[in-house]
N, C-alpha and C. Protein backbone atom coordinates (compact mmCIF):
# COMPACT_ATOMS: atom_id res chain seq x y z
N UNK A 1 -0.81 70.91 129.55
CA UNK A 1 -0.94 72.22 129.03
C UNK A 1 -0.56 73.19 130.17
N UNK A 2 0.38 74.04 129.67
CA UNK A 2 0.82 74.90 130.70
C UNK A 2 -0.13 76.05 131.06
N UNK A 3 0.22 76.67 132.14
CA UNK A 3 -0.64 77.63 132.95
C UNK A 3 -1.01 78.40 132.14
N UNK A 4 -0.20 79.04 131.33
CA UNK A 4 -0.41 80.18 130.37
C UNK A 4 -1.56 80.18 129.52
N UNK A 5 -1.54 78.61 129.04
CA UNK A 5 -2.26 78.33 127.90
C UNK A 5 -3.74 77.92 128.49
N UNK A 6 -3.54 77.49 129.51
CA UNK A 6 -4.96 77.47 130.43
C UNK A 6 -5.77 78.69 130.85
N UNK A 7 -4.95 79.49 131.40
CA UNK A 7 -5.34 81.05 131.51
C UNK A 7 -6.13 81.51 130.49
N UNK A 8 -5.30 81.54 128.99
CA UNK A 8 -5.83 81.91 128.15
C UNK A 8 -6.93 81.43 127.49
N UNK A 9 -7.31 80.18 127.51
CA UNK A 9 -8.21 79.38 127.40
C UNK A 9 -9.57 79.90 128.10
N UNK A 10 -9.49 79.81 129.25
CA UNK A 10 -10.57 80.78 130.58
C UNK A 10 -10.81 82.05 130.19
N UNK A 11 -9.67 82.85 129.74
CA UNK A 11 -10.26 84.20 129.04
C UNK A 11 -11.02 84.03 128.13
N UNK A 12 -11.14 83.32 127.19
CA UNK A 12 -11.87 83.23 125.92
C UNK A 12 -13.01 82.65 126.49
N UNK A 13 -13.08 81.52 127.46
CA UNK A 13 -14.57 81.23 127.68
C UNK A 13 -15.35 82.02 128.77
N UNK A 14 -14.68 82.79 129.58
CA UNK A 14 -15.12 83.24 130.80
C UNK A 14 -15.39 84.86 130.80
N UNK A 15 -14.03 85.55 129.99
CA UNK A 15 -13.93 86.79 130.09
C UNK A 15 -15.33 87.67 129.87
N UNK A 16 -16.26 87.18 129.17
CA UNK A 16 -17.43 87.95 128.97
C UNK A 16 -18.32 87.97 130.23
N UNK A 17 -18.19 86.70 131.07
CA UNK A 17 -18.80 86.41 132.06
C UNK A 17 -18.37 87.67 133.05
N UNK A 18 -17.20 87.64 133.11
CA UNK A 18 -16.57 88.40 134.02
C UNK A 18 -16.76 90.00 134.02
N UNK A 19 -16.71 90.17 132.44
CA UNK A 19 -17.36 91.30 132.31
C UNK A 19 -18.47 91.94 132.89
N UNK A 20 -19.26 91.04 132.50
CA UNK A 20 -20.90 91.66 132.99
C UNK A 20 -21.03 91.59 134.30
N UNK A 21 -20.48 90.49 135.08
CA UNK A 21 -20.49 90.56 136.41
C UNK A 21 -19.79 92.06 137.15
N UNK A 22 -18.44 92.48 136.44
CA UNK A 22 -18.24 93.63 137.22
C UNK A 22 -18.92 94.79 136.47
N UNK A 23 -19.50 94.56 135.31
CA UNK A 23 -20.36 95.66 134.75
C UNK A 23 -21.63 95.81 135.81
N UNK A 24 -22.44 94.68 136.43
CA UNK A 24 -23.19 94.60 137.39
C UNK A 24 -22.80 95.51 138.91
N UNK A 25 -21.84 95.25 138.88
CA UNK A 25 -21.02 95.63 140.39
C UNK A 25 -20.73 97.13 140.25
N UNK A 26 -20.31 97.73 139.15
CA UNK A 26 -19.93 98.83 139.14
C UNK A 26 -20.80 100.12 138.18
N UNK A 27 -21.79 99.24 137.51
CA UNK A 27 -22.83 99.87 136.50
C UNK A 27 -22.19 100.81 135.49
N UNK A 28 -20.85 100.68 135.50
CA UNK A 28 -20.13 101.47 134.24
C UNK A 28 -19.53 100.37 133.36
N UNK A 29 -19.56 100.79 132.09
CA UNK A 29 -18.83 99.95 130.89
C UNK A 29 -17.11 100.32 130.87
N UNK A 30 -16.81 100.99 132.04
CA UNK A 30 -15.40 101.26 132.03
C UNK A 30 -14.86 100.03 132.75
N UNK A 31 -14.82 98.72 132.68
CA UNK A 31 -14.42 97.76 133.38
C UNK A 31 -13.49 96.45 132.79
N UNK A 32 -13.16 97.00 131.62
CA UNK A 32 -12.01 96.28 130.78
C UNK A 32 -10.97 96.11 131.68
N UNK A 33 -10.38 97.51 131.97
CA UNK A 33 -8.79 96.95 133.04
C UNK A 33 -9.20 96.23 134.12
N UNK A 34 -10.05 96.04 134.92
CA UNK A 34 -10.79 95.35 135.59
C UNK A 34 -10.56 93.59 135.46
N UNK A 35 -11.36 93.45 134.13
CA UNK A 35 -11.08 92.02 133.45
C UNK A 35 -9.92 91.56 133.35
N UNK A 36 -8.81 92.66 133.01
CA UNK A 36 -7.66 91.75 132.52
C UNK A 36 -6.86 91.78 134.18
N UNK A 37 -7.29 92.61 134.83
CA UNK A 37 -6.56 92.42 136.39
C UNK A 37 -6.91 91.06 136.91
N UNK A 38 -8.13 90.82 136.62
CA UNK A 38 -8.60 89.11 137.29
C UNK A 38 -7.93 88.23 136.64
N UNK A 39 -7.53 88.33 135.53
CA UNK A 39 -6.88 87.52 134.63
C UNK A 39 -5.39 87.42 134.84
N UNK A 40 -4.84 88.75 135.19
CA UNK A 40 -3.41 88.49 135.69
C UNK A 40 -3.21 88.15 136.88
N UNK A 41 -4.26 88.19 137.71
CA UNK A 41 -4.22 87.55 139.02
C UNK A 41 -4.20 86.24 138.88
N UNK A 42 -5.17 85.49 138.07
CA UNK A 42 -5.39 84.34 138.12
C UNK A 42 -4.22 83.62 137.42
N UNK A 43 -3.20 84.54 136.70
CA UNK A 43 -2.02 83.90 136.02
C UNK A 43 -1.00 83.87 137.15
N UNK A 44 -1.16 84.75 138.20
CA UNK A 44 0.02 84.84 139.23
C UNK A 44 -0.08 83.86 140.10
N UNK A 45 -1.53 83.67 140.35
CA UNK A 45 -2.02 82.57 141.37
C UNK A 45 -2.25 81.36 140.83
N UNK A 46 -2.15 80.86 140.04
CA UNK A 46 -2.22 79.84 139.19
C UNK A 46 -2.26 78.46 140.02
N UNK A 47 -1.09 78.35 140.38
CA UNK A 47 -0.61 77.63 141.71
C UNK A 47 -1.57 77.52 142.76
N UNK A 48 -2.37 78.32 143.06
CA UNK A 48 -3.35 78.13 144.18
C UNK A 48 -4.65 77.64 143.71
N UNK A 49 -5.13 77.33 142.41
CA UNK A 49 -6.10 77.07 141.92
C UNK A 49 -6.08 75.53 142.29
N UNK A 50 -7.34 75.32 142.64
CA UNK A 50 -7.37 73.71 143.36
C UNK A 50 -8.29 73.16 142.18
N UNK A 51 -8.09 72.16 141.39
CA UNK A 51 -8.91 71.36 140.22
C UNK A 51 -9.97 70.80 140.90
N UNK A 52 -10.31 70.89 142.06
CA UNK A 52 -11.47 70.33 142.61
C UNK A 52 -12.81 71.23 142.25
N UNK A 53 -12.47 72.38 142.25
CA UNK A 53 -13.61 73.44 141.91
C UNK A 53 -13.23 73.91 140.11
N UNK A 54 -14.69 74.41 139.93
CA UNK A 54 -14.49 74.94 138.87
C UNK A 54 -13.31 76.02 138.38
N UNK A 55 -12.99 76.30 137.28
CA UNK A 55 -12.29 77.64 137.30
C UNK A 55 -13.13 78.77 136.72
N UNK A 56 -14.37 78.80 136.44
CA UNK A 56 -15.21 79.88 136.59
C UNK A 56 -15.43 80.36 138.11
N UNK A 57 -15.91 79.23 138.76
CA UNK A 57 -15.95 79.68 140.41
C UNK A 57 -14.97 80.47 140.75
N UNK A 58 -13.55 79.86 140.59
CA UNK A 58 -12.37 80.60 141.05
C UNK A 58 -12.29 82.05 140.40
N UNK A 59 -12.25 81.69 138.96
CA UNK A 59 -12.16 83.41 138.35
C UNK A 59 -13.14 84.55 138.95
N UNK A 60 -14.52 83.99 139.26
CA UNK A 60 -15.62 84.86 140.07
C UNK A 60 -14.76 85.39 141.14
N UNK A 61 -14.54 84.37 141.71
CA UNK A 61 -14.12 84.91 143.25
C UNK A 61 -12.91 85.76 143.20
N UNK A 62 -12.05 85.74 142.08
CA UNK A 62 -10.76 86.99 142.06
C UNK A 62 -11.62 87.90 141.48
N UNK A 63 -12.49 87.92 140.70
CA UNK A 63 -13.27 89.43 140.19
C UNK A 63 -13.96 89.72 141.29
N UNK A 64 -14.67 89.01 142.53
CA UNK A 64 -15.08 89.74 143.24
C UNK A 64 -14.20 90.76 144.27
N UNK A 65 -13.05 90.00 144.69
CA UNK A 65 -11.67 90.66 145.20
C UNK A 65 -11.26 91.78 144.47
N UNK A 66 -11.23 91.80 143.07
CA UNK A 66 -10.82 92.96 142.49
C UNK A 66 -11.66 94.04 142.41
N UNK A 67 -13.17 93.68 142.59
CA UNK A 67 -14.15 94.76 142.67
C UNK A 67 -14.29 95.08 144.20
N UNK A 68 -13.61 94.23 145.18
CA UNK A 68 -13.67 95.10 146.71
C UNK A 68 -12.43 95.76 146.71
N UNK A 69 -11.39 95.79 146.08
CA UNK A 69 -10.12 96.26 145.93
C UNK A 69 -10.36 97.49 145.13
N UNK A 70 -10.93 97.52 144.32
CA UNK A 70 -11.40 98.80 143.47
C UNK A 70 -12.31 99.79 144.38
N UNK A 71 -13.39 99.28 144.93
CA UNK A 71 -14.16 99.89 145.86
C UNK A 71 -13.17 100.67 147.01
N UNK A 72 -12.43 99.93 147.62
CA UNK A 72 -11.81 100.51 148.78
C UNK A 72 -10.55 101.63 148.15
N UNK A 73 -10.20 101.67 146.99
CA UNK A 73 -9.30 102.48 146.48
C UNK A 73 -10.00 103.83 146.01
N UNK A 74 -11.32 103.56 145.95
CA UNK A 74 -12.03 104.94 145.64
C UNK A 74 -12.70 105.55 146.76
N UNK A 75 -12.93 104.50 147.87
CA UNK A 75 -13.67 105.04 149.21
C UNK A 75 -12.69 106.12 149.62
N UNK A 76 -11.56 106.49 149.86
CA UNK A 76 -10.75 107.42 150.58
C UNK A 76 -11.39 108.85 149.83
N UNK A 77 -11.32 108.72 148.41
CA UNK A 77 -11.77 109.97 147.65
C UNK A 77 -13.10 110.32 147.87
N UNK A 78 -13.72 109.39 147.95
CA UNK A 78 -15.17 109.72 148.26
C UNK A 78 -15.42 110.16 150.07
N UNK A 79 -14.98 109.65 150.66
CA UNK A 79 -15.07 110.16 151.81
C UNK A 79 -14.45 112.02 152.21
N UNK A 80 -13.42 112.06 151.08
CA UNK A 80 -12.80 113.30 151.35
C UNK A 80 -13.93 114.33 150.67
N UNK A 81 -14.53 113.93 149.66
CA UNK A 81 -15.64 114.62 149.16
C UNK A 81 -16.77 114.95 149.92
N UNK A 82 -16.96 114.22 150.66
CA UNK A 82 -18.31 114.24 151.65
C UNK A 82 -17.61 115.34 152.64
N UNK A 83 -16.56 115.07 153.13
CA UNK A 83 -16.07 115.73 154.35
C UNK A 83 -16.06 117.38 153.82
N UNK A 84 -15.16 117.50 152.71
CA UNK A 84 -15.17 118.93 151.94
C UNK A 84 -16.34 119.53 151.71
N UNK A 85 -17.53 118.72 151.44
CA UNK A 85 -18.31 119.48 151.51
C UNK A 85 -19.09 119.88 152.42
N UNK A 86 -19.21 119.16 153.66
CA UNK A 86 -19.58 119.44 154.78
C UNK A 86 -18.93 120.32 155.44
N UNK A 87 -17.91 120.72 155.17
CA UNK A 87 -16.94 121.96 155.64
C UNK A 87 -17.27 122.96 155.10
N UNK A 88 -17.72 123.11 153.75
CA UNK A 88 -17.98 124.08 152.90
C UNK A 88 -19.61 124.41 153.44
N UNK A 89 -20.50 123.44 153.32
CA UNK A 89 -21.76 123.90 153.82
C UNK A 89 -21.89 124.56 155.20
N UNK A 90 -20.96 123.95 156.21
CA UNK A 90 -20.76 124.87 157.74
C UNK A 90 -20.54 126.33 157.44
N UNK A 91 -19.31 126.20 156.80
CA UNK A 91 -18.45 127.42 156.39
C UNK A 91 -20.11 128.51 155.99
N UNK A 92 -20.69 128.13 155.10
CA UNK A 92 -21.87 128.99 154.28
C UNK A 92 -23.13 129.35 155.26
N UNK A 93 -23.23 128.20 156.31
CA UNK A 93 -24.37 128.39 157.13
C UNK A 93 -23.96 129.04 158.08
N UNK A 94 -22.35 129.20 158.65
CA UNK A 94 -21.97 130.23 159.78
C UNK A 94 -22.16 129.01 160.82
N UNK A 95 -21.94 127.78 160.86
CA UNK A 95 -22.21 126.71 161.76
C UNK A 95 -20.93 125.95 162.38
N UNK A 96 -19.63 126.57 161.49
CA UNK A 96 -18.53 125.74 161.75
C UNK A 96 -17.48 126.67 162.92
N UNK A 97 -17.01 126.22 163.78
CA UNK A 97 -16.35 126.61 164.73
C UNK A 97 -15.08 126.13 164.34
N UNK A 98 -14.32 127.30 164.08
CA UNK A 98 -12.72 126.83 163.63
C UNK A 98 -11.89 127.15 164.65
N UNK A 99 -12.41 127.42 166.05
CA UNK A 99 -11.23 127.54 166.91
C UNK A 99 -10.14 126.61 167.01
N UNK A 100 -9.13 127.03 167.57
CA UNK A 100 -7.62 126.09 167.33
C UNK A 100 -8.09 124.61 168.28
N UNK A 101 -7.98 123.69 167.43
CA UNK A 101 -8.07 122.20 168.04
C UNK A 101 -9.74 121.96 168.03
N UNK A 102 -10.42 122.72 167.66
CA UNK A 102 -11.89 122.62 167.73
C UNK A 102 -12.39 122.32 166.00
N UNK A 103 -13.22 121.47 165.81
CA UNK A 103 -14.25 121.50 164.95
C UNK A 103 -15.53 121.07 165.23
N UNK A 104 -16.29 121.79 165.52
CA UNK A 104 -17.64 121.34 166.24
C UNK A 104 -18.72 122.41 165.59
N UNK A 105 -19.89 121.93 165.43
CA UNK A 105 -21.18 122.51 164.98
C UNK A 105 -21.74 123.43 166.10
N UNK A 106 -21.74 124.68 165.89
CA UNK A 106 -22.82 125.53 166.71
C UNK A 106 -24.24 125.41 166.75
N UNK A 107 -24.98 125.30 167.61
CA UNK A 107 -26.11 125.16 167.21
C UNK A 107 -26.93 126.20 168.04
């Protein structure tokens, strides 16, 4: 059986489990693209699959890595929001030191 056929079989067997795992990790029903990403990575890395482990275990490892990568993509935007929020709050409170080369809070 070709690698493409095996991945297709695994998709039908395990995609629902992968979906629920990613749903649990992200708390959002918008994880279909991530499920597809898991199986795309499985297809591309099929040669690294060791048949001494379960395909489900391997796919869940890929799903975990996809989730980690997705969180990393979102993290910079989250930090930017917190920094912008803090700067705006400091400006409103008058505690922001805007001297050249400085950004400190006056107490």
